[in-house]
Amino acid sequence: WLGMTIPVEYGGRGRSFLERFVVTEELLAAGAPVA
């Protein structure tokens, strides 16, 4: 759930901006420490 939109060849997950949006929205709504 980090580097989600970074391509796999650069160590990321190669996932979409929307998937990242969902993850970050949940983390922020919960007040998780993501700074």
PDB file of all heavy atoms in Angstrom:
ATOM      1  N   TRP A   1       0.811  -1.209   0.000  1.00  0.00           N
ATOM      2  CA  TRP A   1       0.000   0.000   0.000  1.00  0.00           C
ATOM      3  C   TRP A   1       0.847   1.264   0.000  1.00  0.00           C
ATOM      4  O   TRP A   1       0.402   2.330   0.407  1.00  0.00           O
ATOM      5  CB  TRP A   1      -0.941  -0.005   1.193  1.00  0.00           C
ATOM      6  CG  TRP A   1      -1.985  -1.089   1.091  1.00  0.00           C
ATOM      7  CD1 TRP A   1      -2.411  -1.714  -0.047  1.00  0.00           C
ATOM      8  CD2 TRP A   1      -2.715  -1.673   2.167  1.00  0.00           C
ATOM      9  NE1 TRP A   1      -3.368  -2.657   0.248  1.00  0.00           N
ATOM     10  CE2 TRP A   1      -3.581  -2.656   1.593  1.00  0.00           C
ATOM     11  CE3 TRP A   1      -2.749  -1.482   3.549  1.00  0.00           C
ATOM     12  CZ2 TRP A   1      -4.452  -3.427   2.357  1.00  0.00           C
ATOM     13  CZ3 TRP A   1      -3.614  -2.244   4.311  1.00  0.00           C
ATOM     14  CH2 TRP A   1      -4.454  -3.207   3.721  1.00  0.00           C
ATOM     15  N   LEU A   2       2.055   1.149  -0.474  1.00  0.00           N
ATOM     16  CA  LEU A   2       2.945   2.284  -0.667  1.00  0.00           C
ATOM     17  C   LEU A   2       3.583   2.121  -2.039  1.00  0.00           C
ATOM     18  O   LEU A   2       3.850   0.996  -2.467  1.00  0.00           O
ATOM     19  CB  LEU A   2       4.002   2.323   0.437  1.00  0.00           C
ATOM     20  CG  LEU A   2       4.870   3.576   0.531  1.00  0.00           C
ATOM     21  CD1 LEU A   2       4.027   4.808   0.767  1.00  0.00           C
ATOM     22  CD2 LEU A   2       5.886   3.422   1.655  1.00  0.00           C
ATOM     23  N   GLY A   3       3.794   3.225  -2.720  1.00  0.00           N
ATOM     24  CA  GLY A   3       4.321   3.128  -4.080  1.00  0.00           C
ATOM     25  C   GLY A   3       3.380   2.398  -5.015  1.00  0.00           C
ATOM     26  O   GLY A   3       3.814   1.740  -5.958  1.00  0.00           O
ATOM     27  N   MET A   4       2.092   2.552  -4.767  1.00  0.00           N
ATOM     28  CA  MET A   4       1.115   1.766  -5.525  1.00  0.00           C
ATOM     29  C   MET A   4       1.114   2.107  -7.013  1.00  0.00           C
ATOM     30  O   MET A   4       0.911   1.225  -7.851  1.00  0.00           O
ATOM     31  CB  MET A   4      -0.285   1.965  -4.939  1.00  0.00           C
ATOM     32  CG  MET A   4      -0.440   1.402  -3.542  1.00  0.00           C
ATOM     33  SD  MET A   4      -2.098   1.647  -2.872  1.00  0.00           S
ATOM     34  CE  MET A   4      -3.048   0.499  -3.894  1.00  0.00           C
ATOM     35  N   THR A   5       1.327   3.388  -7.357  1.00  0.00           N
ATOM     36  CA  THR A   5       1.298   3.781  -8.767  1.00  0.00           C
ATOM     37  C   THR A   5       2.678   3.744  -9.420  1.00  0.00           C
ATOM     38  O   THR A   5       2.811   4.092 -10.593  1.00  0.00           O
ATOM     39  CB  THR A   5       0.696   5.190  -8.915  1.00  0.00           C
ATOM     40  OG1 THR A   5       1.490   6.129  -8.182  1.00  0.00           O
ATOM     41  CG2 THR A   5      -0.735   5.230  -8.397  1.00  0.00           C
ATOM     42  N   ILE A   6       3.688   3.326  -8.667  1.00  0.00           N
ATOM     43  CA  ILE A   6       5.030   3.159  -9.246  1.00  0.00           C
ATOM     44  C   ILE A   6       5.075   1.822  -9.981  1.00  0.00           C
ATOM     45  O   ILE A   6       4.664   0.794  -9.430  1.00  0.00           O
ATOM     46  CB  ILE A   6       6.103   3.195  -8.136  1.00  0.00           C
ATOM     47  CG1 ILE A   6       6.099   4.565  -7.443  1.00  0.00           C
ATOM     48  CG2 ILE A   6       7.484   2.894  -8.703  1.00  0.00           C
ATOM     49  CD1 ILE A   6       7.045   4.647  -6.249  1.00  0.00           C
ATOM     50  N   PRO A   7       5.567   1.800 -11.228  1.00  0.00           N
ATOM     51  CA  PRO A   7       5.644   0.531 -11.974  1.00  0.00           C
ATOM     52  C   PRO A   7       6.495  -0.510 -11.253  1.00  0.00           C
ATOM     53  O   PRO A   7       7.413  -0.182 -10.495  1.00  0.00           O
ATOM     54  CB  PRO A   7       6.288   0.942 -13.303  1.00  0.00           C
ATOM     55  CG  PRO A   7       5.959   2.396 -13.448  1.00  0.00           C
ATOM     56  CD  PRO A   7       5.981   2.947 -12.055  1.00  0.00           C
ATOM     57  N   VAL A   8       6.182  -1.750 -11.513  1.00  0.00           N
ATOM     58  CA  VAL A   8       6.869  -2.855 -10.854  1.00  0.00           C
ATOM     59  C   VAL A   8       8.371  -2.821 -11.122  1.00  0.00           C
ATOM     60  O   VAL A   8       9.182  -3.130 -10.235  1.00  0.00           O
ATOM     61  CB  VAL A   8       6.268  -4.199 -11.322  1.00  0.00           C
ATOM     62  CG1 VAL A   8       7.061  -5.375 -10.768  1.00  0.00           C
ATOM     63  CG2 VAL A   8       4.805  -4.300 -10.891  1.00  0.00           C
ATOM     64  N   GLU A   9       8.751  -2.401 -12.334  1.00  0.00           N
ATOM     65  CA  GLU A   9      10.182  -2.399 -12.665  1.00  0.00           C
ATOM     66  C   GLU A   9      10.981  -1.406 -11.828  1.00  0.00           C
ATOM     67  O   GLU A   9      12.214  -1.462 -11.796  1.00  0.00           O
ATOM     68  CB  GLU A   9      10.400  -2.110 -14.149  1.00  0.00           C
ATOM     69  CG  GLU A   9       9.828  -0.803 -14.647  1.00  0.00           C
ATOM     70  CD  GLU A   9       8.446  -0.966 -15.261  1.00  0.00           C
ATOM     71  OE1 GLU A   9       7.676  -1.832 -14.771  1.00  0.00           O
ATOM     72  OE2 GLU A   9       8.137  -0.231 -16.214  1.00  0.00           O
ATOM     73  N   TYR A  10      10.299  -0.485 -11.151  1.00  0.00           N
ATOM     74  CA  TYR A  10      10.981   0.458 -10.257  1.00  0.00           C
ATOM     75  C   TYR A  10      10.666   0.184  -8.791  1.00  0.00           C
ATOM     76  O   TYR A  10      10.816   1.058  -7.938  1.00  0.00           O
ATOM     77  CB  TYR A  10      10.598   1.896 -10.620  1.00  0.00           C
ATOM     78  CG  TYR A  10      11.001   2.293 -12.019  1.00  0.00           C
ATOM     79  CD1 TYR A  10      10.038   2.656 -12.962  1.00  0.00           C
ATOM     80  CD2 TYR A  10      12.334   2.281 -12.408  1.00  0.00           C
ATOM     81  CE1 TYR A  10      10.396   3.010 -14.247  1.00  0.00           C
ATOM     82  CE2 TYR A  10      12.708   2.635 -13.696  1.00  0.00           C
ATOM     83  CZ  TYR A  10      11.729   2.989 -14.609  1.00  0.00           C
ATOM     84  OH  TYR A  10      12.092   3.328 -15.897  1.00  0.00           O
ATOM     85  N   GLY A  11      10.231  -1.026  -8.501  1.00  0.00           N
ATOM     86  CA  GLY A  11       9.996  -1.421  -7.120  1.00  0.00           C
ATOM     87  C   GLY A  11       8.608  -1.147  -6.600  1.00  0.00           C
ATOM     88  O   GLY A  11       8.329  -1.395  -5.422  1.00  0.00           O
ATOM     89  N   GLY A  12       7.715  -0.627  -7.458  1.00  0.00           N
ATOM     90  CA  GLY A  12       6.363  -0.317  -7.028  1.00  0.00           C
ATOM     91  C   GLY A  12       5.399  -1.461  -7.255  1.00  0.00           C
ATOM     92  O   GLY A  12       5.807  -2.602  -7.499  1.00  0.00           O
ATOM     93  N   ARG A  13       4.120  -1.150  -7.197  1.00  0.00           N
ATOM     94  CA  ARG A  13       3.079  -2.178  -7.301  1.00  0.00           C
ATOM     95  C   ARG A  13       2.333  -2.141  -8.620  1.00  0.00           C
ATOM     96  O   ARG A  13       1.544  -3.038  -8.903  1.00  0.00           O
ATOM     97  CB  ARG A  13       2.084  -2.010  -6.149  1.00  0.00           C
ATOM     98  CG  ARG A  13       2.732  -2.116  -4.787  1.00  0.00           C
ATOM     99  CD  ARG A  13       3.269  -3.503  -4.512  1.00  0.00           C
ATOM    100  NE  ARG A  13       4.039  -3.555  -3.275  1.00  0.00           N
ATOM    101  CZ  ARG A  13       4.386  -4.673  -2.660  1.00  0.00           C
ATOM    102  NH1 ARG A  13       4.037  -5.846  -3.170  1.00  0.00           N
ATOM    103  NH2 ARG A  13       5.093  -4.634  -1.551  1.00  0.00           N
ATOM    104  N   GLY A  14       2.546  -1.092  -9.422  1.00  0.00           N
ATOM    105  CA  GLY A  14       1.914  -1.025 -10.730  1.00  0.00           C
ATOM    106  C   GLY A  14       0.394  -0.977 -10.668  1.00  0.00           C
ATOM    107  O   GLY A  14      -0.280  -1.504 -11.560  1.00  0.00           O
ATOM    108  N   ARG A  15      -0.140  -0.335  -9.642  1.00  0.00           N
ATOM    109  CA  ARG A  15      -1.589  -0.269  -9.488  1.00  0.00           C
ATOM    110  C   ARG A  15      -2.102   1.117  -9.884  1.00  0.00           C
ATOM    111  O   ARG A  15      -1.333   2.015 -10.230  1.00  0.00           O
ATOM    112  CB  ARG A  15      -1.985  -0.642  -8.058  1.00  0.00           C
ATOM    113  CG  ARG A  15      -1.528  -2.061  -7.703  1.00  0.00           C
ATOM    114  CD  ARG A  15      -1.840  -2.480  -6.302  1.00  0.00           C
ATOM    115  NE  ARG A  15      -3.254  -2.833  -6.139  1.00  0.00           N
ATOM    116  CZ  ARG A  15      -3.727  -3.411  -5.039  1.00  0.00           C
ATOM    117  NH1 ARG A  15      -2.902  -3.712  -4.034  1.00  0.00           N
ATOM    118  NH2 ARG A  15      -5.008  -3.702  -4.938  1.00  0.00           N
ATOM    119  N   SER A  16      -3.391   1.311  -9.846  1.00  0.00           N
ATOM    120  CA  SER A  16      -4.001   2.510 -10.412  1.00  0.00           C
ATOM    121  C   SER A  16      -4.073   3.656  -9.407  1.00  0.00           C
ATOM    122  O   SER A  16      -3.954   3.458  -8.192  1.00  0.00           O
ATOM    123  CB  SER A  16      -5.405   2.188 -10.911  1.00  0.00           C
ATOM    124  OG  SER A  16      -6.271   1.943  -9.804  1.00  0.00           O
ATOM    125  N   PHE A  17      -4.286   4.877  -9.932  1.00  0.00           N
ATOM    126  CA  PHE A  17      -4.493   6.033  -9.074  1.00  0.00           C
ATOM    127  C   PHE A  17      -5.751   5.863  -8.234  1.00  0.00           C
ATOM    128  O   PHE A  17      -5.817   6.341  -7.100  1.00  0.00           O
ATOM    129  CB  PHE A  17      -4.603   7.314  -9.917  1.00  0.00           C
ATOM    130  CG  PHE A  17      -3.273   7.864 -10.344  1.00  0.00           C
ATOM    131  CD1 PHE A  17      -2.738   7.553 -11.581  1.00  0.00           C
ATOM    132  CD2 PHE A  17      -2.545   8.683  -9.500  1.00  0.00           C
ATOM    133  CE1 PHE A  17      -1.518   8.054 -11.987  1.00  0.00           C
ATOM    134  CE2 PHE A  17      -1.309   9.195  -9.887  1.00  0.00           C
ATOM    135  CZ  PHE A  17      -0.793   8.882 -11.133  1.00  0.00           C
ATOM    136  N   LEU A  18      -6.753   5.205  -8.779  1.00  0.00           N
ATOM    137  CA  LEU A  18      -7.980   4.990  -8.019  1.00  0.00           C
ATOM    138  C   LEU A  18      -7.752   4.056  -6.837  1.00  0.00           C
ATOM    139  O   LEU A  18      -8.300   4.264  -5.745  1.00  0.00           O
ATOM    140  CB  LEU A  18      -9.069   4.426  -8.924  1.00  0.00           C
ATOM    141  CG  LEU A  18      -9.987   5.465  -9.568  1.00  0.00           C
ATOM    142  CD1 LEU A  18     -10.999   4.776 -10.479  1.00  0.00           C
ATOM    143  CD2 LEU A  18     -10.703   6.296  -8.515  1.00  0.00           C
ATOM    144  N   GLU A  19      -6.955   3.013  -7.044  1.00  0.00           N
ATOM    145  CA  GLU A  19      -6.636   2.117  -5.930  1.00  0.00           C
ATOM    146  C   GLU A  19      -5.873   2.878  -4.851  1.00  0.00           C
ATOM    147  O   GLU A  19      -6.140   2.721  -3.653  1.00  0.00           O
ATOM    148  CB  GLU A  19      -5.836   0.921  -6.438  1.00  0.00           C
ATOM    149  CG  GLU A  19      -6.664  -0.052  -7.267  1.00  0.00           C
ATOM    150  CD  GLU A  19      -5.813  -1.133  -7.885  1.00  0.00           C
ATOM    151  OE1 GLU A  19      -4.924  -0.796  -8.700  1.00  0.00           O
ATOM    152  OE2 GLU A  19      -6.030  -2.320  -7.570  1.00  0.00           O
ATOM    153  N   ARG A  20      -4.951   3.703  -5.272  1.00  0.00           N
ATOM    154  CA  ARG A  20      -4.216   4.509  -4.299  1.00  0.00           C
ATOM    155  C   ARG A  20      -5.164   5.477  -3.595  1.00  0.00           C
ATOM    156  O   ARG A  20      -5.056   5.693  -2.375  1.00  0.00           O
ATOM    157  CB  ARG A  20      -3.092   5.290  -4.976  1.00  0.00           C
ATOM    158  CG  ARG A  20      -2.273   6.104  -3.976  1.00  0.00           C
ATOM    159  CD  ARG A  20      -1.224   6.997  -4.615  1.00  0.00           C
ATOM    160  NE  ARG A  20      -0.523   7.727  -3.569  1.00  0.00           N
ATOM    161  CZ  ARG A  20      -0.963   8.861  -3.021  1.00  0.00           C
ATOM    162  NH1 ARG A  20      -2.090   9.404  -3.434  1.00  0.00           N
ATOM    163  NH2 ARG A  20      -0.264   9.441  -2.052  1.00  0.00           N
ATOM    164  N   PHE A  21      -6.093   6.050  -4.319  1.00  0.00           N
ATOM    165  CA  PHE A  21      -7.062   6.965  -3.717  1.00  0.00           C
ATOM    166  C   PHE A  21      -7.837   6.276  -2.589  1.00  0.00           C
ATOM    167  O   PHE A  21      -8.015   6.840  -1.502  1.00  0.00           O
ATOM    168  CB  PHE A  21      -8.026   7.482  -4.783  1.00  0.00           C
ATOM    169  CG  PHE A  21      -9.147   8.326  -4.239  1.00  0.00           C
ATOM    170  CD1 PHE A  21      -8.954   9.673  -3.988  1.00  0.00           C
ATOM    171  CD2 PHE A  21     -10.389   7.780  -3.972  1.00  0.00           C
ATOM    172  CE1 PHE A  21      -9.981  10.464  -3.479  1.00  0.00           C
ATOM    173  CE2 PHE A  21     -11.420   8.548  -3.462  1.00  0.00           C
ATOM    174  CZ  PHE A  21     -11.212   9.905  -3.215  1.00  0.00           C
ATOM    175  N   VAL A  22      -8.300   5.072  -2.846  1.00  0.00           N
ATOM    176  CA  VAL A  22      -9.071   4.334  -1.838  1.00  0.00           C
ATOM    177  C   VAL A  22      -8.230   4.075  -0.594  1.00  0.00           C
ATOM    178  O   VAL A  22      -8.677   4.283   0.539  1.00  0.00           O
ATOM    179  CB  VAL A  22      -9.592   3.011  -2.429  1.00  0.00           C
ATOM    180  CG1 VAL A  22     -10.093   2.071  -1.331  1.00  0.00           C
ATOM    181  CG2 VAL A  22     -10.708   3.282  -3.436  1.00  0.00           C
ATOM    182  N   VAL A  23      -6.997   3.642  -0.794  1.00  0.00           N
ATOM    183  CA  VAL A  23      -6.118   3.348   0.339  1.00  0.00           C
ATOM    184  C   VAL A  23      -5.849   4.614   1.150  1.00  0.00           C
ATOM    185  O   VAL A  23      -5.978   4.631   2.386  1.00  0.00           O
ATOM    186  CB  VAL A  23      -4.799   2.721  -0.145  1.00  0.00           C
ATOM    187  CG1 VAL A  23      -3.785   2.639   1.006  1.00  0.00           C
ATOM    188  CG2 VAL A  23      -5.049   1.332  -0.718  1.00  0.00           C
ATOM    189  N   THR A  24      -5.477   5.688   0.469  1.00  0.00           N
ATOM    190  CA  THR A  24      -5.135   6.912   1.191  1.00  0.00           C
ATOM    191  C   THR A  24      -6.357   7.519   1.878  1.00  0.00           C
ATOM    192  O   THR A  24      -6.242   8.059   2.993  1.00  0.00           O
ATOM    193  CB  THR A  24      -4.492   7.950   0.259  1.00  0.00           C
ATOM    194  OG1 THR A  24      -5.366   8.221  -0.847  1.00  0.00           O
ATOM    195  CG2 THR A  24      -3.165   7.444  -0.279  1.00  0.00           C
ATOM    196  N   GLU A  25      -7.513   7.418   1.256  1.00  0.00           N
ATOM    197  CA  GLU A  25      -8.715   7.963   1.880  1.00  0.00           C
ATOM    198  C   GLU A  25      -9.017   7.244   3.192  1.00  0.00           C
ATOM    199  O   GLU A  25      -9.345   7.880   4.204  1.00  0.00           O
ATOM    200  CB  GLU A  25      -9.898   7.860   0.925  1.00  0.00           C
ATOM    201  CG  GLU A  25     -11.115   8.648   1.404  1.00  0.00           C
ATOM    202  CD  GLU A  25     -12.230   8.683   0.380  1.00  0.00           C
ATOM    203  OE1 GLU A  25     -12.570   7.620  -0.177  1.00  0.00           O
ATOM    204  OE2 GLU A  25     -12.767   9.778   0.139  1.00  0.00           O
ATOM    205  N   GLU A  26      -8.899   5.935   3.207  1.00  0.00           N
ATOM    206  CA  GLU A  26      -9.153   5.182   4.433  1.00  0.00           C
ATOM    207  C   GLU A  26      -8.118   5.504   5.511  1.00  0.00           C
ATOM    208  O   GLU A  26      -8.452   5.641   6.690  1.00  0.00           O
ATOM    209  CB  GLU A  26      -9.165   3.682   4.135  1.00  0.00           C
ATOM    210  CG  GLU A  26     -10.419   3.208   3.454  1.00  0.00           C
ATOM    211  CD  GLU A  26     -11.665   3.448   4.290  1.00  0.00           C
ATOM    212  OE1 GLU A  26     -11.652   3.135   5.500  1.00  0.00           O
ATOM    213  OE2 GLU A  26     -12.653   3.967   3.732  1.00  0.00           O
ATOM    214  N   LEU A  27      -6.870   5.617   5.127  1.00  0.00           N
ATOM    215  CA  LEU A  27      -5.824   5.938   6.095  1.00  0.00           C
ATOM    216  C   LEU A  27      -6.048   7.314   6.716  1.00  0.00           C
ATOM    217  O   LEU A  27      -5.916   7.500   7.926  1.00  0.00           O
ATOM    218  CB  LEU A  27      -4.450   5.886   5.420  1.00  0.00           C
ATOM    219  CG  LEU A  27      -3.971   4.502   4.958  1.00  0.00           C
ATOM    220  CD1 LEU A  27      -2.701   4.628   4.129  1.00  0.00           C
ATOM    221  CD2 LEU A  27      -3.729   3.582   6.152  1.00  0.00           C
ATOM    222  N   LEU A  28      -6.413   8.278   5.884  1.00  0.00           N
ATOM    223  CA  LEU A  28      -6.632   9.631   6.381  1.00  0.00           C
ATOM    224  C   LEU A  28      -7.877   9.719   7.260  1.00  0.00           C
ATOM    225  O   LEU A  28      -7.870  10.397   8.289  1.00  0.00           O
ATOM    226  CB  LEU A  28      -6.759  10.594   5.199  1.00  0.00           C
ATOM    227  CG  LEU A  28      -5.478  10.824   4.399  1.00  0.00           C
ATOM    228  CD1 LEU A  28      -5.802  11.470   3.064  1.00  0.00           C
ATOM    229  CD2 LEU A  28      -4.493  11.679   5.180  1.00  0.00           C
ATOM    230  N   ALA A  29      -8.948   9.050   6.846  1.00  0.00           N
ATOM    231  CA  ALA A  29     -10.175   9.076   7.636  1.00  0.00           C
ATOM    232  C   ALA A  29      -9.946   8.490   9.020  1.00  0.00           C
ATOM    233  O   ALA A  29     -10.561   8.923  10.008  1.00  0.00           O
ATOM    234  CB  ALA A  29     -11.283   8.320   6.910  1.00  0.00           C
ATOM    235  N   ALA A  30      -9.051   7.518   9.110  1.00  0.00           N
ATOM    236  CA  ALA A  30      -8.744   6.892  10.403  1.00  0.00           C
ATOM    237  C   ALA A  30      -7.725   7.687  11.212  1.00  0.00           C
ATOM    238  O   ALA A  30      -7.467   7.365  12.375  1.00  0.00           O
ATOM    239  CB  ALA A  30      -8.215   5.477  10.180  1.00  0.00           C
ATOM    240  N   GLY A  31      -7.133   8.716  10.618  1.00  0.00           N
ATOM    241  CA  GLY A  31      -6.107   9.487  11.319  1.00  0.00           C
ATOM    242  C   GLY A  31      -4.808   8.732  11.468  1.00  0.00           C
ATOM    243  O   GLY A  31      -4.035   8.968  12.403  1.00  0.00           O
ATOM    244  N   ALA A  32      -4.514   7.835  10.524  1.00  0.00           N
ATOM    245  CA  ALA A  32      -3.293   7.023  10.595  1.00  0.00           C
ATOM    246  C   ALA A  32      -2.059   7.898  10.336  1.00  0.00           C
ATOM    247  O   ALA A  32      -2.109   8.849   9.555  1.00  0.00           O
ATOM    248  CB  ALA A  32      -3.359   5.894   9.570  1.00  0.00           C
ATOM    249  N   PRO A  33      -0.920   7.571  10.964  1.00  0.00           N
ATOM    250  CA  PRO A  33       0.291   8.396  10.839  1.00  0.00           C
ATOM    251  C   PRO A  33       1.031   8.124   9.531  1.00  0.00           C
ATOM    252  O   PRO A  33       1.867   7.224   9.441  1.00  0.00           O
ATOM    253  CB  PRO A  33       1.129   7.965  12.052  1.00  0.00           C
ATOM    254  CG  PRO A  33       0.717   6.530  12.289  1.00  0.00           C
ATOM    255  CD  PRO A  33      -0.742   6.454  11.928  1.00  0.00           C
ATOM    256  N   VAL A  34       0.767   8.914   8.517  1.00  0.00           N
ATOM    257  CA  VAL A  34       1.302   8.660   7.176  1.00  0.00           C
ATOM    258  C   VAL A  34       2.279   9.735   6.700  1.00  0.00           C
ATOM    259  O   VAL A  34       2.701   9.730   5.547  1.00  0.00           O
ATOM    260  CB  VAL A  34       0.150   8.524   6.158  1.00  0.00           C
ATOM    261  CG1 VAL A  34      -0.708   7.309   6.474  1.00  0.00           C
ATOM    262  CG2 VAL A  34      -0.718   9.794   6.134  1.00  0.00           C
ATOM    263  N   ALA A  35       2.665  10.651   7.585  1.00  0.00           N
ATOM    264  CA  ALA A  35       3.455  11.802   7.164  1.00  0.00           C
ATOM    265  C   ALA A  35       4.828  11.420   6.608  1.00  0.00           C
ATOM    266  O   ALA A  35       5.341  12.093   5.714  1.00  0.00           O
ATOM    267  CB  ALA A  35       3.628  12.780   8.334  1.00  0.00           C
TER     268      ALA A  35
END
